[in-house]
Structures are given as structure tokens and as C-alpha cells.
Amino acid sequence: MKEENLKPWLIRMRQGEEEAFQEVYRATRTYAYNLIYFLAPHKQDADDMMSEVYVELIRSIDRYDLDQPFIPWFNGLIVRQVRNWNRSIWRRFRLLERVKEKGYEAPVAGMEDKLGAISDELEVIPAVEKLSFKLKEIVVLRYYQNCSLEEIAAILQIPLGTVKSRHHLAMKKLREHFEHRINREEASFHVH
């Protein structure tokens, strides 16, 4: 996905052309899905989040400044939509808990399944998944989307110092996770 190839389509998309939206979608869908997938606490929600991202893209394309790079702006849009989704899940979870406290049946069948976490089989992803959302979004943007710390600050609309401290804390937690895992594996080799 090259920025210069997207610019004409973004201009036409702002004018309401359906074909332009389809081209922007085709050019960005894999990129968007990968970012959403890494940020999503519940992987089964990634497709729904993807739809929300593109609905929001249509709504907010007029606010995009064509003189600015598209990818950092699009990253910000994706991160905000994932945050909004997480907030809505948390609201539904709290509502479900209140309903259970009152002794009523769950209002929506399968809601608890949506709230259950699914872990991946790769080694790093489960460790990243254990990080808080604020730390996870820094790691995903930095290492999976190759954003600089300055770009991350702009995308998340937070100070650069906050990005640096969250990055440092995330790396510390990941190191601790892997050191603990290595120590556990080494201990299992010792015969007592």
C-alpha cells in the first residue's frame, strides 16, 4: 500500500465515489485487519471491528488532511475504533454482571462467549496479549506496524514522554515474562 497510489482514490472517495471507497478498502484491508487483530482482546471480534473501522473511515474522510500522510491518520482511526469497541464490550459485561446480580437470565445468548479471551499459538502474541491495552497498542504500533515513537504519540494523541514510558514498561513486562518462562523450562530439566 503506497501513499502516493492512495491519494487520488482518497480525493475521489471524499467526493462520494463508491468505486474509490472500494479501491481504498482493497488497498488497506490487510493492513487494517492485521492491526485490528493484534489490538483486539477477543480475536473473534476482529471482523466486526473491521466493519466499524471502514464505517468510521467513510464518516470521517472529510476530516482527513490530504497534505498529511494517510497511514498514521488511518492508524489513529483504527486504534480509536478498537478502543471504542473495547469500551462497548466492557459496558455490556458490566450490564451482564448487574443482570446476574439481580438473578435474571442473560439478556443476550452467547454474550459470555464473546467476552472470553482466545490465545494464539505463537510465542510472542500470547505475551503481548497479557499486556494492558495501553501497553499493547504501543507494542503493536511500534513492532507490528513499524511506527516511530513520534508517530505513535501523534496517532494516540498523547505526549511523546508517555509513549516512551509505556514502551519501556511494555518491554520490561515482556522481558520478565520470557525470563520467567525460561527459568521455568530450565527448572523442569533438573532432576531432584
Protein backbone atom coordinates (compact mmCIF):
# COMPACT_ATOMS: atom_id res chain seq x y z
CA MET A 1 0.00 0.00 0.00
CA LYS A 2 1.75 3.13 -1.21
CA GLU A 3 0.58 6.53 -0.06
CA GLU A 4 1.03 8.13 -3.47
CA ASN A 5 -1.23 5.47 -5.04
CA LEU A 6 -3.93 6.10 -2.45
CA LYS A 7 -4.11 9.92 -2.68
CA PRO A 8 -6.19 10.08 -5.90
CA TRP A 9 -8.59 7.47 -4.54
CA LEU A 10 -8.91 9.33 -1.24
CA ILE A 11 -9.76 12.53 -3.10
CA ARG A 12 -12.41 10.73 -5.15
CA MET A 13 -13.68 8.97 -2.01
CA ARG A 14 -14.22 12.38 -0.38
CA GLN A 15 -16.43 13.23 -3.35
CA GLY A 16 -18.59 10.20 -2.57
CA GLU A 17 -17.44 7.76 -5.25
CA GLU A 18 -18.26 4.15 -4.35
CA GLU A 19 -15.52 2.82 -6.63
CA ALA A 20 -12.95 4.96 -4.84
CA PHE A 21 -14.00 3.53 -1.48
CA GLN A 22 -13.69 0.00 -2.90
CA GLU A 23 -10.14 0.75 -4.09
CA VAL A 24 -9.14 2.25 -0.73
CA TYR A 25 -10.65 -0.78 1.00
CA ARG A 26 -8.77 -3.21 -1.26
CA ALA A 27 -5.50 -1.35 -0.71
CA THR A 28 -5.83 -1.13 3.08
CA ARG A 29 -7.86 -4.12 4.24
CA THR A 30 -4.94 -6.49 5.00
CA TYR A 31 -3.03 -3.76 6.79
CA ALA A 32 -6.11 -2.74 8.79
CA TYR A 33 -7.05 -6.30 9.67
CA ASN A 34 -3.56 -7.12 10.93
CA LEU A 35 -3.52 -4.06 13.19
CA ILE A 36 -7.03 -4.76 14.47
CA TYR A 37 -6.20 -8.43 15.06
CA PHE A 38 -3.15 -7.57 17.16
CA LEU A 39 -5.04 -4.98 19.20
CA ALA A 40 -8.27 -6.94 19.65
CA PRO A 41 -8.56 -8.64 23.02
CA HIS A 42 -11.11 -11.06 21.56
CA LYS A 43 -9.99 -12.28 18.16
CA GLN A 44 -13.49 -13.35 17.18
CA ASP A 45 -14.45 -9.64 17.17
CA ALA A 46 -11.83 -8.63 14.59
CA ASP A 47 -14.22 -8.87 11.61
CA ASP A 48 -16.84 -6.74 13.35
CA MET A 49 -14.20 -4.20 14.34
CA MET A 50 -13.01 -4.14 10.74
CA SER A 51 -16.50 -3.14 9.62
CA GLU A 52 -16.61 -0.40 12.25
CA VAL A 53 -13.26 0.96 11.07
CA TYR A 54 -14.47 1.32 7.48
CA VAL A 55 -17.79 2.83 8.53
CA GLU A 56 -15.81 5.40 10.53
CA LEU A 57 -13.46 5.95 7.57
CA ILE A 58 -16.45 6.89 5.40
CA ARG A 59 -17.80 9.18 8.15
CA SER A 60 -14.50 10.93 8.82
CA ILE A 61 -12.80 11.07 5.41
CA ASP A 62 -13.72 14.77 5.14
CA ARG A 63 -11.65 15.48 8.27
CA TYR A 64 -8.54 13.87 6.77
CA ASP A 65 -5.99 16.49 5.66
CA LEU A 66 -4.74 15.38 2.24
CA ASP A 67 -1.43 17.18 2.87
CA GLN A 68 -0.68 14.79 5.74
CA PRO A 69 0.39 11.12 5.42
CA PHE A 70 -2.62 8.80 5.32
CA ILE A 71 -1.19 5.78 7.17
CA PRO A 72 -0.58 7.50 10.55
CA TRP A 73 -4.06 9.07 10.33
CA PHE A 74 -5.58 5.69 9.45
CA ASN A 75 -3.67 4.03 12.32
CA GLY A 76 -5.20 6.56 14.70
CA LEU A 77 -8.67 5.86 13.33
CA ILE A 78 -8.16 2.10 13.80
CA VAL A 79 -6.83 2.46 17.35
CA ARG A 80 -9.76 4.72 18.32
CA GLN A 81 -12.29 2.26 16.87
CA VAL A 82 -10.70 -0.67 18.74
CA ARG A 83 -10.80 1.40 21.95
CA ASN A 84 -14.47 2.22 21.35
CA TRP A 85 -15.21 -1.45 20.74
CA ASN A 86 -13.43 -2.43 23.96
CA ARG A 87 -15.43 0.17 25.89
CA SER A 88 -18.68 -1.16 24.47
CA ILE A 89 -17.69 -4.74 25.41
CA TRP A 90 -16.87 -3.57 28.94
CA ARG A 91 -20.25 -1.79 29.19
CA ARG A 92 -22.06 -4.95 28.08
CA PHE A 93 -20.01 -7.00 30.54
CA ARG A 94 -20.96 -4.68 33.42
CA LEU A 95 -24.60 -4.79 32.33
CA LEU A 96 -24.47 -8.60 32.23
CA GLU A 97 -22.96 -8.68 35.73
CA ARG A 98 -25.70 -6.38 37.07
CA VAL A 99 -28.36 -8.53 35.47
CA LYS A 100 -26.80 -11.67 37.03
CA GLU A 101 -26.71 -9.98 40.46
CA LYS A 102 -30.44 -9.40 40.19
CA GLY A 103 -30.97 -13.08 39.37
CA TYR A 104 -32.23 -12.63 35.83
CA GLU A 105 -31.21 -14.61 32.76
CA ALA A 106 -28.54 -13.14 30.50
CA PRO A 107 -30.17 -10.68 28.06
CA VAL A 108 -28.26 -11.86 25.01
CA ALA A 109 -27.44 -15.52 24.38
CA GLY A 110 -23.74 -16.11 23.84
CA MET A 111 -22.64 -12.80 25.38
CA GLU A 112 -20.30 -14.55 27.81
CA ASP A 113 -18.62 -16.36 24.92
CA LYS A 114 -17.87 -13.01 23.30
CA LEU A 115 -16.19 -11.86 26.49
CA GLY A 116 -13.91 -14.89 26.78
CA ALA A 117 -10.31 -14.44 25.61
CA ILE A 118 -8.73 -16.59 22.91
CA SER A 119 -4.97 -17.06 23.00
CA ASP A 120 -2.84 -17.57 19.91
CA GLU A 121 -0.37 -20.42 19.40
CA LEU A 122 2.63 -18.25 18.59
CA GLU A 123 5.07 -17.49 21.40
CA VAL A 124 5.12 -13.70 21.41
CA ILE A 125 1.48 -12.95 20.76
CA PRO A 126 0.18 -14.53 23.99
CA ALA A 127 2.71 -12.49 25.95
CA VAL A 128 1.64 -9.29 24.19
CA GLU A 129 -1.98 -10.23 24.79
CA LYS A 130 -1.35 -10.21 28.54
CA LEU A 131 -0.29 -6.57 28.46
CA SER A 132 -2.82 -3.88 29.30
CA PHE A 133 -4.46 -2.30 26.26
CA LYS A 134 -2.41 0.89 26.64
CA LEU A 135 0.85 -1.08 26.59
CA LYS A 136 -0.34 -3.45 23.87
CA GLU A 137 -1.25 -0.64 21.48
CA ILE A 138 2.27 0.80 21.84
CA VAL A 139 3.89 -2.60 21.13
CA VAL A 140 1.63 -3.33 18.16
CA LEU A 141 2.12 0.08 16.57
CA ARG A 142 5.88 0.01 17.19
CA TYR A 143 6.76 -3.57 16.21
CA TYR A 144 3.91 -4.78 14.01
CA GLN A 145 3.17 -1.52 12.19
CA ASN A 146 6.75 -0.14 12.33
CA CYS A 147 5.72 3.28 13.63
CA SER A 148 8.27 5.55 15.25
CA LEU A 149 7.66 6.67 18.83
CA GLU A 150 6.85 10.15 17.50
CA GLU A 151 4.27 8.71 15.08
CA ILE A 152 2.72 6.69 17.90
CA ALA A 153 2.41 9.85 20.01
CA ALA A 154 0.63 11.57 17.12
CA ILE A 155 -1.65 8.60 16.40
CA LEU A 156 -2.68 8.14 20.03
CA GLN A 157 -2.71 11.90 20.70
CA ILE A 158 -0.58 11.55 23.82
CA PRO A 159 2.77 13.12 24.80
CA LEU A 160 5.96 11.52 23.48
CA GLY A 161 7.16 11.01 27.07
CA THR A 162 4.05 8.94 27.80
CA VAL A 163 4.73 6.80 24.72
CA LYS A 164 8.33 6.27 25.83
CA SER A 165 7.37 5.30 29.38
CA ARG A 166 4.66 2.90 28.16
CA HIS A 167 7.11 1.40 25.66
CA HIS A 168 9.70 0.94 28.40
CA LEU A 169 7.16 -0.66 30.75
CA ALA A 170 5.84 -2.96 27.99
CA MET A 171 9.37 -4.15 27.14
CA LYS A 172 10.10 -4.71 30.83
CA LYS A 173 6.94 -6.82 31.25
CA LEU A 174 7.70 -8.85 28.12
CA ARG A 175 11.29 -9.47 29.29
CA GLU A 176 10.01 -10.59 32.70
CA HIS A 177 7.50 -12.92 31.03
CA PHE A 178 10.15 -14.61 28.91
CA GLU A 179 12.75 -14.75 31.72
CA HIS A 180 10.16 -16.42 33.96
CA ARG A 181 9.28 -18.86 31.18
CA ILE A 182 12.95 -19.71 30.53
CA ASN A 183 13.61 -20.21 34.25
CA ARG A 184 10.57 -22.49 34.47
CA GLU A 185 11.77 -24.55 31.49
CA GLU A 186 15.30 -24.82 32.94
CA ALA A 187 13.91 -25.95 36.30
CA SER A 188 11.91 -28.70 34.60
CA PHE A 189 15.15 -30.19 33.23
CA HIS A 190 16.72 -30.60 36.68
CA VAL A 191 16.27 -33.99 38.31
CA HIS A 192 15.85 -33.92 42.08
